[in-house]
Amino acid sequence: MKDIYQSCRLDWQGIEIDIRYCPNRWTVIGHFEIESACRSPLPIAETGFVSHFVSDERVKGLGGPASYVEAWLAESSADKGWKDAEERRRQLTLF
């Protein structure tokens, strides 16, 4: 049986993010493939790409794939490590 992925695009803080989600990848576990444009770092993926398995019920409970990813980004972006890394990326350096 071929896996059927749902696709959508999300703009998060000016970063375009492609979201692919396959519900019921293995019975009750769904699979995400999340990739930012130009592989820009994200609080959930330093490389701009992440493969993630999660309960279908959790995804449905948060309103679907895009809402799940938005909630995950919001929670992860509150982390001090992410905030510090973002500040370093924005700060111009001479060396």
C-alpha atoms as a PDB file:
ATOM      1  CA  MET A   1       0.000   0.000   0.000  1.00  0.00           C
ATOM      2  CA  LYS A   2       1.331   3.412  -0.969  1.00  0.00           C
ATOM      3  CA  ASP A   3       1.527   6.076   1.735  1.00  0.00           C
ATOM      4  CA  ILE A   4      -0.619   9.125   1.024  1.00  0.00           C
ATOM      5  CA  TYR A   5       0.849  12.414   2.213  1.00  0.00           C
ATOM      6  CA  GLN A   6      -1.074  15.635   2.713  1.00  0.00           C
ATOM      7  CA  SER A   7       0.922  18.743   1.786  1.00  0.00           C
ATOM      8  CA  CYS A   8       0.618  22.348   2.820  1.00  0.00           C
ATOM      9  CA  ARG A   9       2.780  25.439   3.116  1.00  0.00           C
ATOM     10  CA  LEU A  10       3.156  27.622   6.175  1.00  0.00           C
ATOM     11  CA  ASP A  11       4.694  31.081   6.549  1.00  0.00           C
ATOM     12  CA  TRP A  12       6.302  31.249   9.973  1.00  0.00           C
ATOM     13  CA  GLN A  13       8.070  34.502  10.895  1.00  0.00           C
ATOM     14  CA  GLY A  14       8.845  35.139   7.225  1.00  0.00           C
ATOM     15  CA  ILE A  15      10.159  31.611   6.583  1.00  0.00           C
ATOM     16  CA  GLU A  16       8.270  29.462   4.096  1.00  0.00           C
ATOM     17  CA  ILE A  17       7.849  25.940   5.421  1.00  0.00           C
ATOM     18  CA  ASP A  18       6.663  22.923   3.441  1.00  0.00           C
ATOM     19  CA  ILE A  19       4.763  20.389   5.522  1.00  0.00           C
ATOM     20  CA  ARG A  20       4.069  16.842   4.387  1.00  0.00           C
ATOM     21  CA  TYR A  21       2.009  14.638   6.679  1.00  0.00           C
ATOM     22  CA  CYS A  22       0.994  11.008   6.311  1.00  0.00           C
ATOM     23  CA  PRO A  23      -1.663  10.012   8.845  1.00  0.00           C
ATOM     24  CA  ASN A  24      -1.610   6.413   9.996  1.00  0.00           C
ATOM     25  CA  ARG A  25       1.881   5.734   8.677  1.00  0.00           C
ATOM     26  CA  TRP A  26       2.054   2.768  11.057  1.00  0.00           C
ATOM     27  CA  THR A  27      -1.417   2.102  12.440  1.00  0.00           C
ATOM     28  CA  VAL A  28      -1.989   5.102  14.772  1.00  0.00           C
ATOM     29  CA  ILE A  29       1.314   6.906  14.218  1.00  0.00           C
ATOM     30  CA  GLY A  30       1.548   9.660  11.620  1.00  0.00           C
ATOM     31  CA  HIS A  31       4.692  10.909   9.898  1.00  0.00           C
ATOM     32  CA  PHE A  32       5.758  14.499   9.218  1.00  0.00           C
ATOM     33  CA  GLU A  33       8.396  15.752   6.807  1.00  0.00           C
ATOM     34  CA  ILE A  34       8.970  19.437   7.510  1.00  0.00           C
ATOM     35  CA  GLU A  35      11.354  21.531   5.417  1.00  0.00           C
ATOM     36  CA  SER A  36      12.027  25.252   5.428  1.00  0.00           C
ATOM     37  CA  ALA A  37      12.818  27.217   2.283  1.00  0.00           C
ATOM     38  CA  CYS A  38      16.550  27.192   1.598  1.00  0.00           C
ATOM     39  CA  ARG A  39      16.854  24.917   4.633  1.00  0.00           C
ATOM     40  CA  SER A  40      16.729  27.913   6.964  1.00  0.00           C
ATOM     41  CA  PRO A  41      17.170  26.892  10.612  1.00  0.00           C
ATOM     42  CA  LEU A  42      14.017  26.342  12.615  1.00  0.00           C
ATOM     43  CA  PRO A  43      13.568  25.882  16.356  1.00  0.00           C
ATOM     44  CA  ILE A  44      12.478  22.299  15.619  1.00  0.00           C
ATOM     45  CA  ALA A  45      15.249  21.598  13.074  1.00  0.00           C
ATOM     46  CA  GLU A  46      18.680  23.225  12.989  1.00  0.00           C
ATOM     47  CA  THR A  47      19.184  21.990   9.429  1.00  0.00           C
ATOM     48  CA  GLY A  48      15.791  23.204   8.220  1.00  0.00           C
ATOM     49  CA  PHE A  49      14.530  19.636   7.761  1.00  0.00           C
ATOM     50  CA  VAL A  50      12.965  17.212  10.218  1.00  0.00           C
ATOM     51  CA  SER A  51      11.268  13.841   9.966  1.00  0.00           C
ATOM     52  CA  HIS A  52       8.916  13.387  12.910  1.00  0.00           C
ATOM     53  CA  PHE A  53       6.545  10.650  14.075  1.00  0.00           C
ATOM     54  CA  VAL A  54       3.561  11.514  16.245  1.00  0.00           C
ATOM     55  CA  SER A  55       0.190  10.154  17.314  1.00  0.00           C
ATOM     56  CA  ASP A  56      -2.598  10.923  14.834  1.00  0.00           C
ATOM     57  CA  GLU A  57      -4.833  11.800  17.780  1.00  0.00           C
ATOM     58  CA  ARG A  58      -2.399  14.520  18.890  1.00  0.00           C
ATOM     59  CA  VAL A  59      -2.355  16.038  15.393  1.00  0.00           C
ATOM     60  CA  LYS A  60      -6.160  15.945  15.176  1.00  0.00           C
ATOM     61  CA  GLY A  61      -6.446  17.375  18.693  1.00  0.00           C
ATOM     62  CA  LEU A  62      -4.431  20.428  17.692  1.00  0.00           C
ATOM     63  CA  GLY A  63      -6.487  21.048  14.542  1.00  0.00           C
ATOM     64  CA  GLY A  64      -4.519  19.247  11.835  1.00  0.00           C
ATOM     65  CA  PRO A  65      -0.990  19.164  10.431  1.00  0.00           C
ATOM     66  CA  ALA A  66      -0.438  22.920   9.944  1.00  0.00           C
ATOM     67  CA  SER A  67      -1.822  23.778  13.380  1.00  0.00           C
ATOM     68  CA  TYR A  68       0.298  21.049  14.970  1.00  0.00           C
ATOM     69  CA  VAL A  69       3.478  22.393  13.346  1.00  0.00           C
ATOM     70  CA  GLU A  70       2.598  25.993  14.306  1.00  0.00           C
ATOM     71  CA  ALA A  71       2.101  24.946  17.937  1.00  0.00           C
ATOM     72  CA  TRP A  72       5.364  22.994  17.902  1.00  0.00           C
ATOM     73  CA  LEU A  73       7.244  25.984  16.452  1.00  0.00           C
ATOM     74  CA  ALA A  74       5.692  28.369  18.985  1.00  0.00           C
ATOM     75  CA  GLU A  75       6.657  26.142  21.896  1.00  0.00           C
ATOM     76  CA  SER A  76      10.185  25.487  20.629  1.00  0.00           C
ATOM     77  CA  SER A  77      10.883  29.120  19.713  1.00  0.00           C
ATOM     78  CA  ALA A  78      10.357  30.125  23.355  1.00  0.00           C
ATOM     79  CA  ASP A  79      13.516  28.170  24.267  1.00  0.00           C
ATOM     80  CA  LYS A  80      16.455  30.349  25.348  1.00  0.00           C
ATOM     81  CA  GLY A  81      18.853  28.409  23.110  1.00  0.00           C
ATOM     82  CA  TRP A  82      16.748  29.216  20.042  1.00  0.00           C
ATOM     83  CA  LYS A  83      16.425  32.887  21.012  1.00  0.00           C
ATOM     84  CA  ASP A  84      20.197  33.176  21.500  1.00  0.00           C
ATOM     85  CA  ALA A  85      20.891  31.460  18.160  1.00  0.00           C
ATOM     86  CA  GLU A  86      18.415  33.782  16.389  1.00  0.00           C
ATOM     87  CA  GLU A  87      20.106  36.820  17.894  1.00  0.00           C
ATOM     88  CA  ARG A  88      23.522  35.599  16.693  1.00  0.00           C
ATOM     89  CA  ARG A  89      22.136  35.036  13.168  1.00  0.00           C
ATOM     90  CA  ARG A  90      20.739  38.588  13.080  1.00  0.00           C
ATOM     91  CA  GLN A  91      23.848  40.217  14.510  1.00  0.00           C
ATOM     92  CA  LEU A  92      26.324  41.379  11.901  1.00  0.00           C
ATOM     93  CA  THR A  93      29.940  40.477  12.540  1.00  0.00           C
ATOM     94  CA  LEU A  94      33.180  41.760  11.065  1.00  0.00           C
ATOM     95  CA  PHE A  95      35.036  38.484  11.462  1.00  0.00           C
END
